[in-house]
Amino acid sequence: MEVVFRVNANELDINFLESIKQLFKEKEIYINISTKNKNMSETDYLLSNPANASRLLKAIDNIEKNKDKLIYKKLEDLEDLG
Protein backbone atom coordinates (compact mmCIF):
# COMPACT_ATOMS: atom_id res chain seq x y z
CA MET A 1 0.00 0.00 0.00
CA GLU A 2 1.19 3.48 -0.76
CA VAL A 3 -0.10 6.60 0.96
CA VAL A 4 1.08 10.12 0.24
CA PHE A 5 0.64 12.91 2.75
CA ARG A 6 1.21 16.39 1.37
CA VAL A 7 1.67 18.81 4.26
CA ASN A 8 3.57 21.89 5.26
CA ALA A 9 6.39 21.10 7.70
CA ASN A 10 4.84 23.56 10.18
CA GLU A 11 1.74 21.35 10.33
CA LEU A 12 3.63 18.29 11.58
CA ASP A 13 2.92 17.50 15.22
CA ILE A 14 2.52 14.56 17.58
CA ASN A 15 -1.10 14.08 16.44
CA PHE A 16 0.08 13.54 12.86
CA LEU A 17 2.58 10.91 14.00
CA GLU A 18 0.00 9.21 16.20
CA SER A 19 -2.45 9.03 13.30
CA ILE A 20 0.23 7.36 11.13
CA LYS A 21 0.96 4.88 13.91
CA GLN A 22 -2.75 4.11 14.23
CA LEU A 23 -3.20 3.75 10.48
CA PHE A 24 -0.31 1.31 10.03
CA LYS A 25 -0.22 -0.29 13.51
CA GLU A 26 2.32 -3.17 13.60
CA LYS A 27 3.50 -2.77 10.00
CA GLU A 28 6.96 -1.72 8.92
CA ILE A 29 6.76 1.57 7.03
CA TYR A 30 9.14 3.64 4.93
CA ILE A 31 9.07 7.41 5.21
CA ASN A 32 10.35 9.42 2.26
CA ILE A 33 10.45 13.19 2.63
CA SER A 34 10.79 15.45 -0.37
CA THR A 35 10.06 19.08 -1.07
CA LYS A 36 8.24 20.35 -4.10
CA ASN A 37 10.41 22.25 -6.51
CA LYS A 38 8.70 25.60 -7.05
CA ASN A 39 9.64 25.41 -10.73
CA MET A 40 8.11 21.94 -11.14
CA SER A 41 4.78 21.83 -12.92
CA GLU A 42 1.86 19.89 -11.49
CA THR A 43 2.26 17.35 -14.30
CA ASP A 44 5.95 16.87 -13.53
CA TYR A 45 5.11 16.46 -9.85
CA LEU A 46 2.48 13.78 -10.59
CA LEU A 47 4.83 11.93 -12.91
CA SER A 48 7.76 12.07 -10.46
CA ASN A 49 6.37 9.06 -8.56
CA PRO A 50 6.94 5.92 -10.70
CA ALA A 51 3.78 4.13 -9.52
CA ASN A 52 1.65 7.22 -10.04
CA ALA A 53 3.24 7.87 -13.44
CA SER A 54 2.47 4.32 -14.55
CA ARG A 55 -1.20 4.63 -13.53
CA LEU A 56 -1.57 8.02 -15.22
CA LEU A 57 0.11 6.93 -18.44
CA LYS A 58 -2.06 3.78 -18.60
CA ALA A 59 -5.16 5.92 -18.10
CA ILE A 60 -4.08 8.30 -20.88
CA ASP A 61 -3.39 5.35 -23.17
CA ASN A 62 -6.81 3.89 -22.36
CA ILE A 63 -8.49 7.17 -23.26
CA GLU A 64 -6.52 7.44 -26.51
CA LYS A 65 -7.51 3.89 -27.51
CA ASN A 66 -11.19 4.41 -26.66
CA LYS A 67 -11.88 7.97 -27.81
CA ASP A 68 -14.81 6.79 -29.91
CA LYS A 69 -16.45 5.33 -26.78
CA LEU A 70 -16.16 8.45 -24.60
CA ILE A 71 -19.27 10.38 -23.65
CA TYR A 72 -18.85 14.13 -23.43
CA LYS A 73 -21.02 16.17 -21.08
CA LYS A 74 -21.10 19.84 -20.26
CA LEU A 75 -20.85 20.78 -16.60
CA GLU A 76 -24.34 22.29 -16.81
CA ASP A 77 -25.73 18.91 -17.90
CA LEU A 78 -24.25 17.24 -14.83
CA GLU A 79 -25.49 19.96 -12.49
CA ASP A 80 -29.05 19.39 -13.79
CA LEU A 81 -28.86 15.77 -12.62
CA GLY A 82 -28.30 16.79 -8.98
PDB file of N, CA and C in Angstrom:
ATOM      1  N   MET A   1       0.855  -1.171   0.000  1.00  0.00           N
ATOM      2  CA  MET A   1       0.000   0.000   0.000  1.00  0.00           C
ATOM      3  C   MET A   1       0.895   1.227   0.000  1.00  0.00           C
ATOM      4  N   GLU A   2       0.455   2.232  -0.726  1.00  0.00           N
ATOM      5  CA  GLU A   2       1.192   3.481  -0.762  1.00  0.00           C
ATOM      6  C   GLU A   2       0.253   4.607  -0.401  1.00  0.00           C
ATOM      7  N   VAL A   3       0.685   5.441   0.537  1.00  0.00           N
ATOM      8  CA  VAL A   3      -0.098   6.596   0.963  1.00  0.00           C
ATOM      9  C   VAL A   3       0.811   7.806   0.884  1.00  0.00           C
ATOM     10  N   VAL A   4       0.301   8.891   0.338  1.00  0.00           N
ATOM     11  CA  VAL A   4       1.082  10.117   0.243  1.00  0.00           C
ATOM     12  C   VAL A   4       0.384  11.186   1.072  1.00  0.00           C
ATOM     13  N   PHE A   5       1.128  11.782   1.970  1.00  0.00           N
ATOM     14  CA  PHE A   5       0.645  12.913   2.751  1.00  0.00           C
ATOM     15  C   PHE A   5       1.359  14.145   2.217  1.00  0.00           C
ATOM     16  N   ARG A   6       0.617  15.149   1.874  1.00  0.00           N
ATOM     17  CA  ARG A   6       1.209  16.389   1.365  1.00  0.00           C
ATOM     18  C   ARG A   6       0.896  17.476   2.375  1.00  0.00           C
ATOM     19  N   VAL A   7       1.880  17.842   3.188  1.00  0.00           N
ATOM     20  CA  VAL A   7       1.665  18.811   4.262  1.00  0.00           C
ATOM     21  C   VAL A   7       2.810  19.800   4.330  1.00  0.00           C
ATOM     22  N   ASN A   8       2.540  20.907   4.958  1.00  0.00           N
ATOM     23  CA  ASN A   8       3.573  21.888   5.262  1.00  0.00           C
ATOM     24  C   ASN A   8       4.304  21.416   6.517  1.00  0.00           C
ATOM     25  N   ALA A   9       5.603  21.562   6.556  1.00  0.00           N
ATOM     26  CA  ALA A   9       6.392  21.100   7.705  1.00  0.00           C
ATOM     27  C   ALA A   9       5.892  21.702   9.011  1.00  0.00           C
ATOM     28  N   ASN A  10       5.362  22.915   8.966  1.00  0.00           N
ATOM     29  CA  ASN A  10       4.844  23.560  10.180  1.00  0.00           C
ATOM     30  C   ASN A  10       3.604  22.865  10.731  1.00  0.00           C
ATOM     31  N   GLU A  11       2.948  22.053   9.913  1.00  0.00           N
ATOM     32  CA  GLU A  11       1.739  21.350  10.332  1.00  0.00           C
ATOM     33  C   GLU A  11       2.036  20.025  11.018  1.00  0.00           C
ATOM     34  N   LEU A  12       3.270  19.567  10.958  1.00  0.00           N
ATOM     35  CA  LEU A  12       3.631  18.293  11.581  1.00  0.00           C
ATOM     36  C   LEU A  12       3.625  18.439  13.102  1.00  0.00           C
ATOM     37  N   ASP A  13       2.951  17.510  13.764  1.00  0.00           N
ATOM     38  CA  ASP A  13       2.925  17.504  15.219  1.00  0.00           C
ATOM     39  C   ASP A  13       2.739  16.068  15.705  1.00  0.00           C
ATOM     40  N   ILE A  14       2.645  15.899  16.997  1.00  0.00           N
ATOM     41  CA  ILE A  14       2.518  14.562  17.579  1.00  0.00           C
ATOM     42  C   ILE A  14       1.224  13.884  17.130  1.00  0.00           C
ATOM     43  N   ASN A  15       0.166  14.660  16.902  1.00  0.00           N
ATOM     44  CA  ASN A  15      -1.104  14.084  16.437  1.00  0.00           C
ATOM     45  C   ASN A  15      -0.954  13.451  15.057  1.00  0.00           C
ATOM     46  N   PHE A  16      -0.167  14.097  14.188  1.00  0.00           N
ATOM     47  CA  PHE A  16       0.082  13.545  12.863  1.00  0.00           C
ATOM     48  C   PHE A  16       0.807  12.202  12.988  1.00  0.00           C
ATOM     49  N   LEU A  17       1.836  12.149  13.799  1.00  0.00           N
ATOM     50  CA  LEU A  17       2.580  10.906  14.001  1.00  0.00           C
ATOM     51  C   LEU A  17       1.699   9.821  14.611  1.00  0.00           C
ATOM     52  N   GLU A  18       0.896  10.185  15.578  1.00  0.00           N
ATOM     53  CA  GLU A  18       0.003   9.206  16.203  1.00  0.00           C
ATOM     54  C   GLU A  18      -1.009   8.658  15.200  1.00  0.00           C
ATOM     55  N   SER A  19      -1.486   9.513  14.297  1.00  0.00           N
ATOM     56  CA  SER A  19      -2.449   9.027  13.295  1.00  0.00           C
ATOM     57  C   SER A  19      -1.772   8.058  12.325  1.00  0.00           C
ATOM     58  N   ILE A  20      -0.507   8.296  11.988  1.00  0.00           N
ATOM     59  CA  ILE A  20       0.230   7.362  11.132  1.00  0.00           C
ATOM     60  C   ILE A  20       0.424   6.039  11.864  1.00  0.00           C
ATOM     61  N   LYS A  21       0.793   6.110  13.128  1.00  0.00           N
ATOM     62  CA  LYS A  21       0.963   4.883  13.911  1.00  0.00           C
ATOM     63  C   LYS A  21      -0.333   4.093  13.976  1.00  0.00           C
ATOM     64  N   GLN A  22      -1.443   4.770  14.160  1.00  0.00           N
ATOM     65  CA  GLN A  22      -2.748   4.110  14.230  1.00  0.00           C
ATOM     66  C   GLN A  22      -3.129   3.495  12.886  1.00  0.00           C
ATOM     67  N   LEU A  23      -2.839   4.210  11.819  1.00  0.00           N
ATOM     68  CA  LEU A  23      -3.197   3.750  10.479  1.00  0.00           C
ATOM     69  C   LEU A  23      -2.429   2.489  10.090  1.00  0.00           C
ATOM     70  N   PHE A  24      -1.149   2.424  10.458  1.00  0.00           N
ATOM     71  CA  PHE A  24      -0.313   1.307  10.028  1.00  0.00           C
ATOM     72  C   PHE A  24       0.006   0.302  11.128  1.00  0.00           C
ATOM     73  N   LYS A  25      -0.402   0.579  12.340  1.00  0.00           N
ATOM     74  CA  LYS A  25      -0.217  -0.289  13.511  1.00  0.00           C
ATOM     75  C   LYS A  25       1.107  -1.042  13.514  1.00  0.00           C
ATOM     76  N   GLU A  26       1.118  -2.344  13.433  1.00  0.00           N
ATOM     77  CA  GLU A  26       2.320  -3.168  13.605  1.00  0.00           C
ATOM     78  C   GLU A  26       3.158  -3.321  12.338  1.00  0.00           C
ATOM     79  N   LYS A  27       2.812  -2.603  11.280  1.00  0.00           N
ATOM     80  CA  LYS A  27       3.501  -2.775  10.003  1.00  0.00           C
ATOM     81  C   LYS A  27       4.786  -1.953   9.934  1.00  0.00           C
ATOM     82  N   GLU A  28       5.749  -2.484   9.195  1.00  0.00           N
ATOM     83  CA  GLU A  28       6.962  -1.723   8.925  1.00  0.00           C
ATOM     84  C   GLU A  28       6.626  -0.708   7.840  1.00  0.00           C
ATOM     85  N   ILE A  29       7.041   0.534   8.021  1.00  0.00           N
ATOM     86  CA  ILE A  29       6.756   1.569   7.032  1.00  0.00           C
ATOM     87  C   ILE A  29       8.056   2.248   6.604  1.00  0.00           C
ATOM     88  N   TYR A  30       8.019   2.860   5.446  1.00  0.00           N
ATOM     89  CA  TYR A  30       9.135   3.641   4.926  1.00  0.00           C
ATOM     90  C   TYR A  30       8.659   5.079   4.808  1.00  0.00           C
ATOM     91  N   ILE A  31       9.437   5.996   5.292  1.00  0.00           N
ATOM     92  CA  ILE A  31       9.071   7.413   5.211  1.00  0.00           C
ATOM     93  C   ILE A  31      10.059   8.108   4.290  1.00  0.00           C
ATOM     94  N   ASN A  32       9.538   8.702   3.228  1.00  0.00           N
ATOM     95  CA  ASN A  32      10.350   9.419   2.257  1.00  0.00           C
ATOM     96  C   ASN A  32       9.899  10.868   2.291  1.00  0.00           C
ATOM     97  N   ILE A  33      10.800  11.776   2.566  1.00  0.00           N
ATOM     98  CA  ILE A  33      10.449  13.193   2.629  1.00  0.00           C
ATOM     99  C   ILE A  33      11.086  13.905   1.451  1.00  0.00           C
ATOM    100  N   SER A  34      10.269  14.651   0.731  1.00  0.00           N
ATOM    101  CA  SER A  34      10.788  15.451  -0.374  1.00  0.00           C
ATOM    102  C   SER A  34      10.062  16.789  -0.370  1.00  0.00           C
ATOM    103  N   THR A  35      10.690  17.763  -0.958  1.00  0.00           N
ATOM    104  CA  THR A  35      10.064  19.079  -1.075  1.00  0.00           C
ATOM    105  C   THR A  35       9.717  19.320  -2.525  1.00  0.00           C
ATOM    106  N   LYS A  36       8.664  20.054  -2.738  1.00  0.00           N
ATOM    107  CA  LYS A  36       8.236  20.351  -4.096  1.00  0.00           C
ATOM    108  C   LYS A  36       9.106  21.474  -4.644  1.00  0.00           C
ATOM    109  N   ASN A  37       9.628  21.233  -5.811  1.00  0.00           N
ATOM    110  CA  ASN A  37      10.407  22.245  -6.506  1.00  0.00           C
ATOM    111  C   ASN A  37       9.428  23.301  -7.022  1.00  0.00           C
ATOM    112  N   LYS A  38       9.635  24.550  -6.653  1.00  0.00           N
ATOM    113  CA  LYS A  38       8.698  25.604  -7.055  1.00  0.00           C
ATOM    114  C   LYS A  38       8.616  25.761  -8.565  1.00  0.00           C
ATOM    115  N   ASN A  39       9.644  25.306  -9.275  1.00  0.00           N
ATOM    116  CA  ASN A  39       9.641  25.407 -10.732  1.00  0.00           C
ATOM    117  C   ASN A  39       9.017  24.183 -11.395  1.00  0.00           C
ATOM    118  N   MET A  40       8.664  23.176 -10.588  1.00  0.00           N
ATOM    119  CA  MET A  40       8.106  21.940 -11.136  1.00  0.00           C
ATOM    120  C   MET A  40       6.615  22.128 -11.405  1.00  0.00           C
ATOM    121  N   SER A  41       6.202  21.730 -12.596  1.00  0.00           N
ATOM    122  CA  SER A  41       4.777  21.831 -12.924  1.00  0.00           C
ATOM    123  C   SER A  41       4.006  20.740 -12.192  1.00  0.00           C
ATOM    124  N   GLU A  42       2.706  20.890 -12.139  1.00  0.00           N
ATOM    125  CA  GLU A  42       1.856  19.891 -11.490  1.00  0.00           C
ATOM    126  C   GLU A  42       1.992  18.542 -12.204  1.00  0.00           C
ATOM    127  N   THR A  43       2.093  18.585 -13.528  1.00  0.00           N
ATOM    128  CA  THR A  43       2.261  17.353 -14.298  1.00  0.00           C
ATOM    129  C   THR A  43       3.577  16.668 -13.949  1.00  0.00           C
ATOM    130  N   ASP A  44       4.654  17.439 -13.896  1.00  0.00           N
ATOM    131  CA  ASP A  44       5.953  16.868 -13.527  1.00  0.00           C
ATOM    132  C   ASP A  44       5.909  16.264 -12.132  1.00  0.00           C
ATOM    133  N   TYR A  45       5.227  16.963 -11.223  1.00  0.00           N
ATOM    134  CA  TYR A  45       5.109  16.455  -9.851  1.00  0.00           C
ATOM    135  C   TYR A  45       4.373  15.112  -9.839  1.00  0.00           C
ATOM    136  N   LEU A  46       3.259  15.016 -10.557  1.00  0.00           N
ATOM    137  CA  LEU A  46       2.477  13.782 -10.590  1.00  0.00           C
ATOM    138  C   LEU A  46       3.253  12.646 -11.238  1.00  0.00           C
ATOM    139  N   LEU A  47       4.063  12.964 -12.224  1.00  0.00           N
ATOM    140  CA  LEU A  47       4.835  11.934 -12.914  1.00  0.00           C
ATOM    141  C   LEU A  47       6.134  11.583 -12.200  1.00  0.00           C
ATOM    142  N   SER A  48       6.491  12.322 -11.161  1.00  0.00           N
ATOM    143  CA  SER A  48       7.755  12.069 -10.458  1.00  0.00           C
ATOM    144  C   SER A  48       7.713  10.788  -9.625  1.00  0.00           C
ATOM    145  N   ASN A  49       6.520  10.322  -9.290  1.00  0.00           N
ATOM    146  CA  ASN A  49       6.375   9.063  -8.558  1.00  0.00           C
ATOM    147  C   ASN A  49       6.150   7.959  -9.591  1.00  0.00           C
ATOM    148  N   PRO A  50       7.053   6.954  -9.663  1.00  0.00           N
ATOM    149  CA  PRO A  50       6.935   5.922 -10.703  1.00  0.00           C
ATOM    150  C   PRO A  50       5.593   5.187 -10.718  1.00  0.00           C
ATOM    151  N   ALA A  51       5.066   4.840  -9.559  1.00  0.00           N
ATOM    152  CA  ALA A  51       3.781   4.126  -9.518  1.00  0.00           C
ATOM    153  C   ALA A  51       2.655   5.020 -10.028  1.00  0.00           C
ATOM    154  N   ASN A  52       2.665   6.266  -9.611  1.00  0.00           N
ATOM    155  CA  ASN A  52       1.648   7.219 -10.042  1.00  0.00           C
ATOM    156  C   ASN A  52       1.778   7.482 -11.545  1.00  0.00           C
ATOM    157  N   ALA A  53       3.004   7.634 -12.013  1.00  0.00           N
ATOM    158  CA  ALA A  53       3.238   7.874 -13.440  1.00  0.00           C
ATOM    159  C   ALA A  53       2.701   6.719 -14.273  1.00  0.00           C
ATOM    160  N   SER A  54       2.945   5.495 -13.826  1.00  0.00           N
ATOM    161  CA  SER A  54       2.466   4.322 -14.546  1.00  0.00           C
ATOM    162  C   SER A  54       0.942   4.320 -14.648  1.00  0.00           C
ATOM    163  N   ARG A  55       0.264   4.588 -13.527  1.00  0.00           N
ATOM    164  CA  ARG A  55      -1.205   4.625 -13.533  1.00  0.00           C
ATOM    165  C   ARG A  55      -1.725   5.716 -14.461  1.00  0.00           C
ATOM    166  N   LEU A  56      -1.110   6.907 -14.389  1.00  0.00           N
ATOM    167  CA  LEU A  56      -1.566   8.020 -15.217  1.00  0.00           C
ATOM    168  C   LEU A  56      -1.346   7.741 -16.700  1.00  0.00           C
ATOM    169  N   LEU A  57      -0.174   7.207 -17.041  1.00  0.00           N
ATOM    170  CA  LEU A  57       0.114   6.931 -18.445  1.00  0.00           C
ATOM    171  C   LEU A  57      -0.785   5.825 -18.999  1.00  0.00           C
ATOM    172  N   LYS A  58      -1.119   4.823 -18.176  1.00  0.00           N
ATOM    173  CA  LYS A  58      -2.059   3.783 -18.605  1.00  0.00           C
ATOM    174  C   LYS A  58      -3.444   4.380 -18.829  1.00  0.00           C
ATOM    175  N   ALA A  59      -3.850   5.285 -17.956  1.00  0.00           N
ATOM    176  CA  ALA A  59      -5.163   5.925 -18.102  1.00  0.00           C
ATOM    177  C   ALA A  59      -5.212   6.766 -19.377  1.00  0.00           C
ATOM    178  N   ILE A  60      -4.132   7.496 -19.661  1.00  0.00           N
ATOM    179  CA  ILE A  60      -4.081   8.299 -20.881  1.00  0.00           C
ATOM    180  C   ILE A  60      -4.134   7.397 -22.102  1.00  0.00           C
ATOM    181  N   ASP A  61      -3.387   6.308 -22.068  1.00  0.00           N
ATOM    182  CA  ASP A  61      -3.394   5.352 -23.172  1.00  0.00           C
ATOM    183  C   ASP A  61      -4.784   4.758 -23.383  1.00  0.00           C
ATOM    184  N   ASN A  62      -5.458   4.435 -22.289  1.00  0.00           N
ATOM    185  CA  ASN A  62      -6.811   3.886 -22.362  1.00  0.00           C
ATOM    186  C   ASN A  62      -7.766   4.887 -23.014  1.00  0.00           C
ATOM    187  N   ILE A  63      -7.639   6.144 -22.656  1.00  0.00           N
ATOM    188  CA  ILE A  63      -8.493   7.175 -23.258  1.00  0.00           C
ATOM    189  C   ILE A  63      -8.194   7.295 -24.746  1.00  0.00           C
ATOM    190  N   GLU A  64      -6.903   7.317 -25.092  1.00  0.00           N
ATOM    191  CA  GLU A  64      -6.523   7.439 -26.510  1.00  0.00           C
ATOM    192  C   GLU A  64      -7.078   6.276 -27.334  1.00  0.00           C
ATOM    193  N   LYS A  65      -7.038   5.071 -26.781  1.00  0.00           N
ATOM    194  CA  LYS A  65      -7.505   3.885 -27.509  1.00  0.00           C
ATOM    195  C   LYS A  65      -9.027   3.819 -27.604  1.00  0.00           C
ATOM    196  N   ASN A  66      -9.729   4.522 -26.721  1.00  0.00           N
ATOM    197  CA  ASN A  66     -11.190   4.412 -26.661  1.00  0.00           C
ATOM    198  C   ASN A  66     -11.897   5.746 -26.861  1.00  0.00           C
ATOM    199  N   LYS A  67     -11.285   6.650 -27.607  1.00  0.00           N
ATOM    200  CA  LYS A  67     -11.883   7.971 -27.812  1.00  0.00           C
ATOM    201  C   LYS A  67     -13.284   7.888 -28.399  1.00  0.00           C
ATOM    202  N   ASP A  68     -13.504   6.909 -29.268  1.00  0.00           N
ATOM    203  CA  ASP A  68     -14.807   6.790 -29.910  1.00  0.00           C
ATOM    204  C   ASP A  68     -15.892   6.319 -28.935  1.00  0.00           C
ATOM    205  N   LYS A  69     -15.490   5.834 -27.761  1.00  0.00           N
ATOM    206  CA  LYS A  69     -16.454   5.335 -26.775  1.00  0.00           C
ATOM    207  C   LYS A  69     -16.723   6.342 -25.652  1.00  0.00           C
ATOM    208  N   LEU A  70     -15.998   7.459 -25.662  1.00  0.00           N
ATOM    209  CA  LEU A  70     -16.163   8.446 -24.600  1.00  0.00           C
ATOM    210  C   LEU A  70     -17.475   9.210 -24.766  1.00  0.00           C
ATOM    211  N   ILE A  71     -18.048   9.578 -23.652  1.00  0.00           N
ATOM    212  CA  ILE A  71     -19.273  10.376 -23.647  1.00  0.00           C
ATOM    213  C   ILE A  71     -18.908  11.748 -23.096  1.00  0.00           C
ATOM    214  N   TYR A  72     -19.183  12.774 -23.836  1.00  0.00           N
ATOM    215  CA  TYR A  72     -18.851  14.131 -23.428  1.00  0.00           C
ATOM    216  C   TYR A  72     -20.089  14.818 -22.862  1.00  0.00           C
ATOM    217  N   LYS A  73     -19.931  15.439 -21.719  1.00  0.00           N
ATOM    218  CA  LYS A  73     -21.022  16.170 -21.079  1.00  0.00           C
ATOM    219  C   LYS A  73     -20.523  17.555 -20.686  1.00  0.00           C
ATOM    220  N   LYS A  74     -21.397  18.507 -20.752  1.00  0.00           N
ATOM    221  CA  LYS A  74     -21.098  19.845 -20.255  1.00  0.00           C
ATOM    222  C   LYS A  74     -21.362  19.846 -18.759  1.00  0.00           C
ATOM    223  N   LEU A  75     -20.679  20.684 -18.045  1.00  0.00           N
ATOM    224  CA  LEU A  75     -20.849  20.778 -16.601  1.00  0.00           C
ATOM    225  C   LEU A  75     -22.310  21.096 -16.258  1.00  0.00           C
ATOM    226  N   GLU A  76     -22.936  21.923 -17.050  1.00  0.00           N
ATOM    227  CA  GLU A  76     -24.341  22.291 -16.810  1.00  0.00           C
ATOM    228  C   GLU A  76     -25.237  21.049 -16.858  1.00  0.00           C
ATOM    229  N   ASP A  77     -24.924  20.126 -17.768  1.00  0.00           N
ATOM    230  CA  ASP A  77     -25.729  18.911 -17.897  1.00  0.00           C
ATOM    231  C   ASP A  77     -25.626  18.075 -16.620  1.00  0.00           C
ATOM    232  N   LEU A  78     -24.444  18.026 -16.048  1.00  0.00           N
ATOM    233  CA  LEU A  78     -24.246  17.242 -14.829  1.00  0.00           C
ATOM    234  C   LEU A  78     -24.896  17.909 -13.625  1.00  0.00           C
ATOM    235  N   GLU A  79     -24.872  19.227 -13.589  1.00  0.00           N
ATOM    236  CA  GLU A  79     -25.494  19.958 -12.486  1.00  0.00           C
ATOM    237  C   GLU A  79     -27.003  19.755 -12.483  1.00  0.00           C
ATOM    238  N   ASP A  80     -27.597  19.616 -13.683  1.00  0.00           N
ATOM    239  CA  ASP A  80     -29.046  19.393 -13.795  1.00  0.00           C
ATOM    240  C   ASP A  80     -29.459  18.056 -13.198  1.00  0.00           C
ATOM    241  N   LEU A  81     -28.543  17.087 -13.157  1.00  0.00           N
ATOM    242  CA  LEU A  81     -28.861  15.773 -12.617  1.00  0.00           C
ATOM    243  C   LEU A  81     -28.982  15.787 -11.108  1.00  0.00           C
ATOM    244  N   GLY A  82     -28.323  16.745 -10.443  1.00  0.00           N
ATOM    245  CA  GLY A  82     -28.304  16.785  -8.979  1.00  0.00           C
ATOM    246  C   GLY A  82     -29.511  17.395  -8.436  1.00  0.00           C
TER     247      GLY A  82
END
